[in-house]
Amino acid sequence: MPIIAAIPDEERQLMCKEAQQTRDKNYARRLIAMLMLHRGMTVTDVARLLCAARSSVGRWINWFTLQGVE
């Protein structure tokens, strides 16, 4: 079962582009985490690959669920 809701293709492309172009690397890291979760990775795997705590990834999921990409 996916951790986050399915992300439409257009929104995923926007997220990839935004992650590459933003100067705010923490924002880029959150976007990349959401894309990894969308691909089916676990919170633990995402946290390990991004060198973040699992609780941080959980906060990012809440951020994305409530506010979206904005």
PDB file of N, CA and C in Angstrom:
ATOM      1  N   MET A   1       0.845  -1.179   0.000  1.00  0.00           N
ATOM      2  CA  MET A   1       0.000   0.000   0.000  1.00  0.00           C
ATOM      3  C   MET A   1       0.892   1.245   0.000  1.00  0.00           C
ATOM      4  N   PRO A   2       0.633   2.166  -0.918  1.00  0.00           N
ATOM      5  CA  PRO A   2       1.456   3.380  -0.980  1.00  0.00           C
ATOM      6  C   PRO A   2       1.289   4.249   0.265  1.00  0.00           C
ATOM      7  N   ILE A   3       2.356   4.932   0.604  1.00  0.00           N
ATOM      8  CA  ILE A   3       2.347   5.792   1.784  1.00  0.00           C
ATOM      9  C   ILE A   3       1.658   7.116   1.486  1.00  0.00           C
ATOM     10  N   ILE A   4       1.822   7.604   0.263  1.00  0.00           N
ATOM     11  CA  ILE A   4       1.170   8.853  -0.135  1.00  0.00           C
ATOM     12  C   ILE A   4       0.244   8.568  -1.303  1.00  0.00           C
ATOM     13  N   ALA A   5      -0.687   9.467  -1.548  1.00  0.00           N
ATOM     14  CA  ALA A   5      -1.619   9.314  -2.665  1.00  0.00           C
ATOM     15  C   ALA A   5      -0.858   9.427  -3.983  1.00  0.00           C
ATOM     16  N   ALA A   6      -1.433   8.861  -5.015  1.00  0.00           N
ATOM     17  CA  ALA A   6      -0.806   8.928  -6.337  1.00  0.00           C
ATOM     18  C   ALA A   6      -0.636  10.383  -6.768  1.00  0.00           C
ATOM     19  N   ILE A   7       0.499  10.660  -7.378  1.00  0.00           N
ATOM     20  CA  ILE A   7       0.798  12.014  -7.837  1.00  0.00           C
ATOM     21  C   ILE A   7       0.630  12.026  -9.353  1.00  0.00           C
ATOM     22  N   PRO A   8      -0.201  12.924  -9.889  1.00  0.00           N
ATOM     23  CA  PRO A   8      -0.387  12.991 -11.340  1.00  0.00           C
ATOM     24  C   PRO A   8       0.933  13.279 -12.062  1.00  0.00           C
ATOM     25  N   ASP A   9       1.018  12.845 -13.319  1.00  0.00           N
ATOM     26  CA  ASP A   9       2.241  13.013 -14.110  1.00  0.00           C
ATOM     27  C   ASP A   9       2.698  14.464 -14.175  1.00  0.00           C
ATOM     28  N   GLU A  10       1.770  15.369 -14.428  1.00  0.00           N
ATOM     29  CA  GLU A  10       2.140  16.784 -14.553  1.00  0.00           C
ATOM     30  C   GLU A  10       2.740  17.312 -13.254  1.00  0.00           C
ATOM     31  N   GLU A  11       2.150  16.927 -12.137  1.00  0.00           N
ATOM     32  CA  GLU A  11       2.655  17.393 -10.844  1.00  0.00           C
ATOM     33  C   GLU A  11       4.024  16.790 -10.550  1.00  0.00           C
ATOM     34  N   ARG A  12       4.219  15.511 -10.921  1.00  0.00           N
ATOM     35  CA  ARG A  12       5.532  14.882 -10.726  1.00  0.00           C
ATOM     36  C   ARG A  12       6.600  15.585 -11.548  1.00  0.00           C
ATOM     37  N   GLN A  13       6.275  15.931 -12.784  1.00  0.00           N
ATOM     38  CA  GLN A  13       7.236  16.646 -13.631  1.00  0.00           C
ATOM     39  C   GLN A  13       7.558  18.008 -13.040  1.00  0.00           C
ATOM     40  N   LEU A  14       6.539  18.689 -12.529  1.00  0.00           N
ATOM     41  CA  LEU A  14       6.751  19.985 -11.881  1.00  0.00           C
ATOM     42  C   LEU A  14       7.648  19.833 -10.652  1.00  0.00           C
ATOM     43  N   MET A  15       7.424  18.781  -9.878  1.00  0.00           N
ATOM     44  CA  MET A  15       8.237  18.545  -8.690  1.00  0.00           C
ATOM     45  C   MET A  15       9.697  18.280  -9.053  1.00  0.00           C
ATOM     46  N   CYS A  16       9.927  17.478 -10.089  1.00  0.00           N
ATOM     47  CA  CYS A  16      11.302  17.199 -10.531  1.00  0.00           C
ATOM     48  C   CYS A  16      11.989  18.475 -10.982  1.00  0.00           C
ATOM     49  N   LYS A  17      11.293  19.260 -11.778  1.00  0.00           N
ATOM     50  CA  LYS A  17      11.855  20.512 -12.288  1.00  0.00           C
ATOM     51  C   LYS A  17      12.152  21.476 -11.148  1.00  0.00           C
ATOM     52  N   GLU A  18      11.222  21.600 -10.217  1.00  0.00           N
ATOM     53  CA  GLU A  18      11.392  22.501  -9.076  1.00  0.00           C
ATOM     54  C   GLU A  18      12.560  22.057  -8.199  1.00  0.00           C
ATOM     55  N   ALA A  19      12.699  20.752  -7.987  1.00  0.00           N
ATOM     56  CA  ALA A  19      13.796  20.235  -7.163  1.00  0.00           C
ATOM     57  C   ALA A  19      15.149  20.555  -7.787  1.00  0.00           C
ATOM     58  N   GLN A  20      15.215  20.557  -9.109  1.00  0.00           N
ATOM     59  CA  GLN A  20      16.476  20.843  -9.798  1.00  0.00           C
ATOM     60  C   GLN A  20      16.792  22.328  -9.841  1.00  0.00           C
ATOM     61  N   GLN A  21      15.768  23.166  -9.879  1.00  0.00           N
ATOM     62  CA  GLN A  21      15.996  24.590 -10.101  1.00  0.00           C
ATOM     63  C   GLN A  21      16.021  25.439  -8.836  1.00  0.00           C
ATOM     64  N   THR A  22      15.489  24.941  -7.742  1.00  0.00           N
ATOM     65  CA  THR A  22      15.408  25.761  -6.536  1.00  0.00           C
ATOM     66  C   THR A  22      16.777  25.924  -5.879  1.00  0.00           C
ATOM     67  N   ARG A  23      16.958  27.051  -5.238  1.00  0.00           N
ATOM     68  CA  ARG A  23      18.187  27.275  -4.469  1.00  0.00           C
ATOM     69  C   ARG A  23      18.041  26.755  -3.044  1.00  0.00           C
ATOM     70  N   ASP A  24      16.803  26.505  -2.628  1.00  0.00           N
ATOM     71  CA  ASP A  24      16.525  25.985  -1.288  1.00  0.00           C
ATOM     72  C   ASP A  24      16.680  24.459  -1.313  1.00  0.00           C
ATOM     73  N   LYS A  25      17.824  23.972  -0.906  1.00  0.00           N
ATOM     74  CA  LYS A  25      18.113  22.541  -0.999  1.00  0.00           C
ATOM     75  C   LYS A  25      17.288  21.705  -0.024  1.00  0.00           C
ATOM     76  N   ASN A  26      16.848  22.296   1.078  1.00  0.00           N
ATOM     77  CA  ASN A  26      15.960  21.557   1.981  1.00  0.00           C
ATOM     78  C   ASN A  26      14.610  21.305   1.322  1.00  0.00           C
ATOM     79  N   TYR A  27      14.126  22.287   0.572  1.00  0.00           N
ATOM     80  CA  TYR A  27      12.874  22.128  -0.175  1.00  0.00           C
ATOM     81  C   TYR A  27      13.049  21.051  -1.244  1.00  0.00           C
ATOM     82  N   ALA A  28      14.182  21.086  -1.934  1.00  0.00           N
ATOM     83  CA  ALA A  28      14.466  20.085  -2.960  1.00  0.00           C
ATOM     84  C   ALA A  28      14.508  18.686  -2.339  1.00  0.00           C
ATOM     85  N   ARG A  29      15.088  18.586  -1.179  1.00  0.00           N
ATOM     86  CA  ARG A  29      15.176  17.303  -0.478  1.00  0.00           C
ATOM     87  C   ARG A  29      13.791  16.765  -0.143  1.00  0.00           C
ATOM     88  N   ARG A  30      12.894  17.639   0.286  1.00  0.00           N
ATOM     89  CA  ARG A  30      11.518  17.215   0.586  1.00  0.00           C
ATOM     90  C   ARG A  30      10.803  16.739  -0.680  1.00  0.00           C
ATOM     91  N   LEU A  31      10.992  17.467  -1.779  1.00  0.00           N
ATOM     92  CA  LEU A  31      10.358  17.062  -3.033  1.00  0.00           C
ATOM     93  C   LEU A  31      10.881  15.704  -3.496  1.00  0.00           C
ATOM     94  N   ILE A  32      12.188  15.518  -3.417  1.00  0.00           N
ATOM     95  CA  ILE A  32      12.788  14.248  -3.821  1.00  0.00           C
ATOM     96  C   ILE A  32      12.261  13.109  -2.953  1.00  0.00           C
ATOM     97  N   ALA A  33      12.100  13.374  -1.665  1.00  0.00           N
ATOM     98  CA  ALA A  33      11.559  12.350  -0.763  1.00  0.00           C
ATOM     99  C   ALA A  33      10.153  11.939  -1.194  1.00  0.00           C
ATOM    100  N   MET A  34       9.322  12.901  -1.555  1.00  0.00           N
ATOM    101  CA  MET A  34       7.954  12.587  -1.979  1.00  0.00           C
ATOM    102  C   MET A  34       7.962  11.771  -3.273  1.00  0.00           C
ATOM    103  N   LEU A  35       8.868  12.098  -4.183  1.00  0.00           N
ATOM    104  CA  LEU A  35       8.966  11.337  -5.426  1.00  0.00           C
ATOM    105  C   LEU A  35       9.431   9.907  -5.152  1.00  0.00           C
ATOM    106  N   MET A  36      10.346   9.742  -4.228  1.00  0.00           N
ATOM    107  CA  MET A  36      10.819   8.403  -3.866  1.00  0.00           C
ATOM    108  C   MET A  36       9.697   7.587  -3.230  1.00  0.00           C
ATOM    109  N   LEU A  37       8.927   8.210  -2.353  1.00  0.00           N
ATOM    110  CA  LEU A  37       7.797   7.521  -1.728  1.00  0.00           C
ATOM    111  C   LEU A  37       6.751   7.152  -2.774  1.00  0.00           C
ATOM    112  N   HIS A  38       6.544   8.027  -3.748  1.00  0.00           N
ATOM    113  CA  HIS A  38       5.585   7.746  -4.815  1.00  0.00           C
ATOM    114  C   HIS A  38       6.009   6.510  -5.611  1.00  0.00           C
ATOM    115  N   ARG A  39       7.311   6.329  -5.758  1.00  0.00           N
ATOM    116  CA  ARG A  39       7.829   5.170  -6.493  1.00  0.00           C
ATOM    117  C   ARG A  39       7.711   3.877  -5.700  1.00  0.00           C
ATOM    118  N   GLY A  40       7.314   3.984  -4.430  1.00  0.00           N
ATOM    119  CA  GLY A  40       7.084   2.786  -3.637  1.00  0.00           C
ATOM    120  C   GLY A  40       8.139   2.491  -2.593  1.00  0.00           C
ATOM    121  N   MET A  41       9.084   3.382  -2.407  1.00  0.00           N
ATOM    122  CA  MET A  41      10.106   3.169  -1.383  1.00  0.00           C
ATOM    123  C   MET A  41       9.490   3.348   0.003  1.00  0.00           C
ATOM    124  N   THR A  42      10.086   2.726   0.987  1.00  0.00           N
ATOM    125  CA  THR A  42       9.597   2.860   2.358  1.00  0.00           C
ATOM    126  C   THR A  42      10.171   4.125   2.992  1.00  0.00           C
ATOM    127  N   VAL A  43       9.536   4.542   4.072  1.00  0.00           N
ATOM    128  CA  VAL A  43      10.008   5.724   4.806  1.00  0.00           C
ATOM    129  C   VAL A  43      11.436   5.489   5.296  1.00  0.00           C
ATOM    130  N   THR A  44      11.709   4.283   5.767  1.00  0.00           N
ATOM    131  CA  THR A  44      13.048   3.959   6.264  1.00  0.00           C
ATOM    132  C   THR A  44      14.089   4.074   5.157  1.00  0.00           C
ATOM    133  N   ASP A  45      13.775   3.550   3.972  1.00  0.00           N
ATOM    134  CA  ASP A  45      14.715   3.628   2.845  1.00  0.00           C
ATOM    135  C   ASP A  45      14.956   5.072   2.422  1.00  0.00           C
ATOM    136  N   VAL A  46      13.890   5.845   2.342  1.00  0.00           N
ATOM    137  CA  VAL A  46      14.014   7.255   1.960  1.00  0.00           C
ATOM    138  C   VAL A  46      14.863   7.997   2.984  1.00  0.00           C
ATOM    139  N   ALA A  47      14.590   7.763   4.254  1.00  0.00           N
ATOM    140  CA  ALA A  47      15.354   8.432   5.310  1.00  0.00           C
ATOM    141  C   ALA A  47      16.834   8.068   5.225  1.00  0.00           C
ATOM    142  N   ARG A  48      17.115   6.811   4.975  1.00  0.00           N
ATOM    143  CA  ARG A  48      18.506   6.365   4.889  1.00  0.00           C
ATOM    144  C   ARG A  48      19.208   7.002   3.693  1.00  0.00           C
ATOM    145  N   LEU A  49      18.563   7.018   2.545  1.00  0.00           N
ATOM    146  CA  LEU A  49      19.190   7.568   1.338  1.00  0.00           C
ATOM    147  C   LEU A  49      19.390   9.077   1.409  1.00  0.00           C
ATOM    148  N   LEU A  50      18.487   9.768   2.085  1.00  0.00           N
ATOM    149  CA  LEU A  50      18.589  11.227   2.178  1.00  0.00           C
ATOM    150  C   LEU A  50      19.276  11.686   3.466  1.00  0.00           C
ATOM    151  N   CYS A  51      19.757  10.719   4.253  1.00  0.00           N
ATOM    152  CA  CYS A  51      20.431  11.033   5.528  1.00  0.00           C
ATOM    153  C   CYS A  51      19.548  11.920   6.410  1.00  0.00           C
ATOM    154  N   ALA A  52      18.316  11.489   6.575  1.00  0.00           N
ATOM    155  CA  ALA A  52      17.354  12.219   7.408  1.00  0.00           C
ATOM    156  C   ALA A  52      16.742  11.239   8.408  1.00  0.00           C
ATOM    157  N   ALA A  53      16.187  11.763   9.456  1.00  0.00           N
ATOM    158  CA  ALA A  53      15.489  10.922  10.431  1.00  0.00           C
ATOM    159  C   ALA A  53      14.137  10.496   9.858  1.00  0.00           C
ATOM    160  N   ARG A  54      13.676   9.324  10.284  1.00  0.00           N
ATOM    161  CA  ARG A  54      12.363   8.866   9.821  1.00  0.00           C
ATOM    162  C   ARG A  54      11.271   9.827  10.247  1.00  0.00           C
ATOM    163  N   SER A  55      11.426  10.436  11.411  1.00  0.00           N
ATOM    164  CA  SER A  55      10.421  11.402  11.871  1.00  0.00           C
ATOM    165  C   SER A  55      10.385  12.619  10.951  1.00  0.00           C
ATOM    166  N   SER A  56      11.530  13.005  10.414  1.00  0.00           N
ATOM    167  CA  SER A  56      11.565  14.128   9.465  1.00  0.00           C
ATOM    168  C   SER A  56      10.810  13.770   8.197  1.00  0.00           C
ATOM    169  N   VAL A  57      11.030  12.557   7.709  1.00  0.00           N
ATOM    170  CA  VAL A  57      10.311  12.117   6.508  1.00  0.00           C
ATOM    171  C   VAL A  57       8.815  12.096   6.797  1.00  0.00           C
ATOM    172  N   GLY A  58       8.425  11.682   7.989  1.00  0.00           N
ATOM    173  CA  GLY A  58       7.012  11.717   8.377  1.00  0.00           C
ATOM    174  C   GLY A  58       6.449  13.124   8.359  1.00  0.00           C
ATOM    175  N   ARG A  59       7.217  14.098   8.839  1.00  0.00           N
ATOM    176  CA  ARG A  59       6.785  15.502   8.793  1.00  0.00           C
ATOM    177  C   ARG A  59       6.646  15.967   7.353  1.00  0.00           C
ATOM    178  N   TRP A  60       7.571  15.540   6.489  1.00  0.00           N
ATOM    179  CA  TRP A  60       7.509  15.941   5.082  1.00  0.00           C
ATOM    180  C   TRP A  60       6.260  15.367   4.420  1.00  0.00           C
ATOM    181  N   ILE A  61       5.894  14.141   4.794  1.00  0.00           N
ATOM    182  CA  ILE A  61       4.670  13.530   4.257  1.00  0.00           C
ATOM    183  C   ILE A  61       3.465  14.361   4.679  1.00  0.00           C
ATOM    184  N   ASN A  62       3.411  14.758   5.951  1.00  0.00           N
ATOM    185  CA  ASN A  62       2.308  15.603   6.431  1.00  0.00           C
ATOM    186  C   ASN A  62       2.285  16.936   5.698  1.00  0.00           C
ATOM    187  N   TRP A  63       3.451  17.539   5.512  1.00  0.00           N
ATOM    188  CA  TRP A  63       3.562  18.806   4.781  1.00  0.00           C
ATOM    189  C   TRP A  63       2.996  18.652   3.370  1.00  0.00           C
ATOM    190  N   PHE A  64       3.399  17.588   2.684  1.00  0.00           N
ATOM    191  CA  PHE A  64       2.956  17.375   1.312  1.00  0.00           C
ATOM    192  C   PHE A  64       1.460  17.086   1.255  1.00  0.00           C
ATOM    193  N   THR A  65       0.965  16.287   2.186  1.00  0.00           N
ATOM    194  CA  THR A  65      -0.452  15.925   2.202  1.00  0.00           C
ATOM    195  C   THR A  65      -1.334  17.144   2.450  1.00  0.00           C
ATOM    196  N   LEU A  66      -0.910  18.013   3.361  1.00  0.00           N
ATOM    197  CA  LEU A  66      -1.721  19.179   3.712  1.00  0.00           C
ATOM    198  C   LEU A  66      -1.572  20.336   2.728  1.00  0.00           C
ATOM    199  N   GLN A  67      -0.364  20.591   2.246  1.00  0.00           N
ATOM    200  CA  GLN A  67      -0.116  21.789   1.452  1.00  0.00           C
ATOM    201  C   GLN A  67       0.226  21.529  -0.004  1.00  0.00           C
ATOM    202  N   GLY A  68       0.564  20.318  -0.353  1.00  0.00           N
ATOM    203  CA  GLY A  68       0.958  20.041  -1.727  1.00  0.00           C
ATOM    204  C   GLY A  68       2.348  20.583  -2.026  1.00  0.00           C
ATOM    205  N   VAL A  69       2.608  20.852  -3.285  1.00  0.00           N
ATOM    206  CA  VAL A  69       3.938  21.259  -3.735  1.00  0.00           C
ATOM    207  C   VAL A  69       4.253  22.694  -3.366  1.00  0.00           C
ATOM    208  N   GLU A  70       3.258  23.530  -3.207  1.00  0.00           N
ATOM    209  CA  GLU A  70       3.443  24.958  -2.954  1.00  0.00           C
ATOM    210  C   GLU A  70       4.604  25.152  -2.093  1.00  0.00           C
TER     211      GLU A  70
END
